[in-house]
C-alpha atoms as a PDB file:
ATOM      1  CA  MET A   1      -1.836   9.205   7.231  1.00  0.00           C
ATOM      2  CA  ILE A   2      -3.668   7.171   4.592  1.00  0.00           C
ATOM      3  CA  VAL A   3      -2.299   3.938   3.149  1.00  0.00           C
ATOM      4  CA  THR A   4      -3.964   2.607   0.033  1.00  0.00           C
ATOM      5  CA  LEU A   5      -3.554  -1.052  -0.885  1.00  0.00           C
ATOM      6  CA  LEU A   6      -4.323  -1.905  -4.502  1.00  0.00           C
ATOM      7  CA  THR A   7      -5.193  -5.571  -4.414  1.00  0.00           C
ATOM      8  CA  LYS A   8      -6.402  -8.376  -6.615  1.00  0.00           C
ATOM      9  CA  ALA A   9      -8.282 -11.630  -5.957  1.00  0.00           C
ATOM     10  CA  ASN A  10      -6.189 -14.786  -5.593  1.00  0.00           C
ATOM     11  CA  CYS A  11      -2.984 -12.801  -5.107  1.00  0.00           C
ATOM     12  CA  GLU A  12      -0.605 -14.236  -2.506  1.00  0.00           C
ATOM     13  CA  PHE A  13       1.511 -11.062  -2.493  1.00  0.00           C
ATOM     14  CA  CYS A  14      -1.672  -9.077  -1.787  1.00  0.00           C
ATOM     15  CA  VAL A  15      -2.412 -11.274   1.221  1.00  0.00           C
ATOM     16  CA  ARG A  16       1.174 -10.803   2.418  1.00  0.00           C
ATOM     17  CA  ALA A  17       1.015  -7.009   1.938  1.00  0.00           C
ATOM     18  CA  ASN A  18      -2.210  -6.872   3.949  1.00  0.00           C
ATOM     19  CA  GLU A  19      -0.631  -8.945   6.741  1.00  0.00           C
ATOM     20  CA  ILE A  20       2.424  -6.663   6.856  1.00  0.00           C
ATOM     21  CA  LEU A  21       0.296  -3.512   6.882  1.00  0.00           C
ATOM     22  CA  THR A  22      -1.972  -4.917   9.589  1.00  0.00           C
ATOM     23  CA  ARG A  23       1.068  -5.683  11.747  1.00  0.00           C
ATOM     24  CA  LEU A  24       2.660  -2.281  11.095  1.00  0.00           C
ATOM     25  CA  GLY A  25      -0.669  -0.653  11.935  1.00  0.00           C
ATOM     26  CA  THR A  26      -0.178  -1.754  15.545  1.00  0.00           C
ATOM     27  CA  GLU A  27       3.042   0.313  15.667  1.00  0.00           C
ATOM     28  CA  ILE A  28       2.352   3.215  13.323  1.00  0.00           C
ATOM     29  CA  GLN A  29      -1.022   4.945  13.129  1.00  0.00           C
ATOM     30  CA  PHE A  30      -2.588   5.067   9.656  1.00  0.00           C
ATOM     31  CA  ASP A  31      -5.901   4.469   7.916  1.00  0.00           C
ATOM     32  CA  LEU A  32      -5.775   1.496   5.533  1.00  0.00           C
ATOM     33  CA  ARG A  33      -7.942   1.637   2.436  1.00  0.00           C
ATOM     34  CA  THR A  34      -8.157  -1.366   0.151  1.00  0.00           C
ATOM     35  CA  ILE A  35      -9.109  -0.916  -3.500  1.00  0.00           C
ATOM     36  CA  GLU A  36      -9.484  -3.651  -6.089  1.00  0.00           C
ATOM     37  CA  LEU A  37      -6.885  -3.089  -8.780  1.00  0.00           C
ATOM     38  CA  GLU A  38      -9.352  -4.118 -11.473  1.00  0.00           C
ATOM     39  CA  SER A  39     -11.950  -1.514 -10.426  1.00  0.00           C
ATOM     40  CA  ALA A  40     -12.167   1.803 -12.267  1.00  0.00           C
ATOM     41  CA  SER A  41     -10.614   3.699  -9.356  1.00  0.00           C
ATOM     42  CA  GLY A  42      -7.947   1.021  -8.933  1.00  0.00           C
ATOM     43  CA  GLN A  43      -7.023   1.202 -12.609  1.00  0.00           C
ATOM     44  CA  ALA A  44      -6.859   4.997 -12.442  1.00  0.00           C
ATOM     45  CA  LEU A  45      -4.557   4.942  -9.398  1.00  0.00           C
ATOM     46  CA  ALA A  46      -2.372   2.239 -10.952  1.00  0.00           C
ATOM     47  CA  ALA A  47      -1.978   4.229 -14.166  1.00  0.00           C
ATOM     48  CA  GLN A  48      -1.284   7.467 -12.297  1.00  0.00           C
ATOM     49  CA  HIS A  49       1.424   5.910 -10.100  1.00  0.00           C
ATOM     50  CA  GLY A  50       2.930   3.348 -12.460  1.00  0.00           C
ATOM     51  CA  VAL A  51       1.739   0.264 -10.593  1.00  0.00           C
ATOM     52  CA  LEU A  52       2.376  -2.558 -13.038  1.00  0.00           C
ATOM     53  CA  PHE A  53       0.862  -5.373 -10.966  1.00  0.00           C
ATOM     54  CA  ALA A  54      -0.685  -6.100  -7.589  1.00  0.00           C
ATOM     55  CA  PRO A  55      -0.257  -5.368  -4.835  1.00  0.00           C
ATOM     56  CA  GLY A  56       0.408  -1.673  -5.005  1.00  0.00           C
ATOM     57  CA  VAL A  57       0.889   0.365  -1.845  1.00  0.00           C
ATOM     58  CA  LEU A  58       0.454   4.123  -1.735  1.00  0.00           C
ATOM     59  CA  VAL A  59       1.380   6.095   1.371  1.00  0.00           C
ATOM     60  CA  ASP A  60      -0.399   9.450   1.475  1.00  0.00           C
ATOM     61  CA  GLY A  61      -0.873   9.299  -2.286  1.00  0.00           C
ATOM     62  CA  ARG A  62       2.743   8.423  -3.089  1.00  0.00           C
ATOM     63  CA  LEU A  63       3.842   5.072  -4.435  1.00  0.00           C
ATOM     64  CA  SER A  64       5.723   3.030  -1.865  1.00  0.00           C
ATOM     65  CA  THR A  65       5.928  -0.322  -3.615  1.00  0.00           C
ATOM     66  CA  PHE A  66       4.240  -2.786  -5.927  1.00  0.00           C
ATOM     67  CA  GLY A  67       4.666  -6.512  -6.435  1.00  0.00           C
ATOM     68  CA  ARG A  68       6.360  -8.560  -3.723  1.00  0.00           C
ATOM     69  CA  PRO A  69       5.965  -6.527  -0.527  1.00  0.00           C
ATOM     70  CA  SER A  70       8.959  -5.634   1.622  1.00  0.00           C
ATOM     71  CA  GLU A  71       8.234  -5.060   5.303  1.00  0.00           C
ATOM     72  CA  ARG A  72      11.458  -3.097   5.670  1.00  0.00           C
ATOM     73  CA  ARG A  73      10.550  -0.723   2.836  1.00  0.00           C
ATOM     74  CA  LEU A  74       6.968  -0.273   4.020  1.00  0.00           C
ATOM     75  CA  ARG A  75       8.141   0.428   7.570  1.00  0.00           C
ATOM     76  CA  ARG A  76      10.662   2.974   6.279  1.00  0.00           C
ATOM     77  CA  ASP A  77       8.086   4.742   4.091  1.00  0.00           C
ATOM     78  CA  LEU A  78       5.439   4.776   6.832  1.00  0.00           C
ATOM     79  CA  THR A  79       7.910   6.085   9.405  1.00  0.00           C
ATOM     80  CA  ALA A  80       9.074   8.822   7.030  1.00  0.00           C
ATOM     81  CA  ALA A  81       5.495   9.845   6.210  1.00  0.00           C
ATOM     82  CA  GLN A  82       4.617   9.893   9.898  1.00  0.00           C
ATOM     83  CA  ALA A  83       7.615  12.125  10.668  1.00  0.00           C
ATOM     84  CA  THR A  84       6.667  14.642   7.962  1.00  0.00           C
ATOM     85  CA  SER A  85       3.029  14.793   9.047  1.00  0.00           C
ATOM     86  CA  ARG A  86       3.852  15.916  12.594  1.00  0.00           C
END
């Protein structure tokens, strides 16, 4: 499973999202990829998935959340993606 974190410099929510994903990564196996939202690839992903502001989290190419991160939602989405990939 691949989790993509669209992040931005000086973004407290981005720091929080990274902390949550790092913690969840000890429970659920996934590869975390971080992309700057302001990069060309970050802008393309944001436009494709409707990410209005950082951080954006994609789980296997599907939008999970953007803005203030929710550990409960991320856990739910990661668990569901893990169950479907088995």
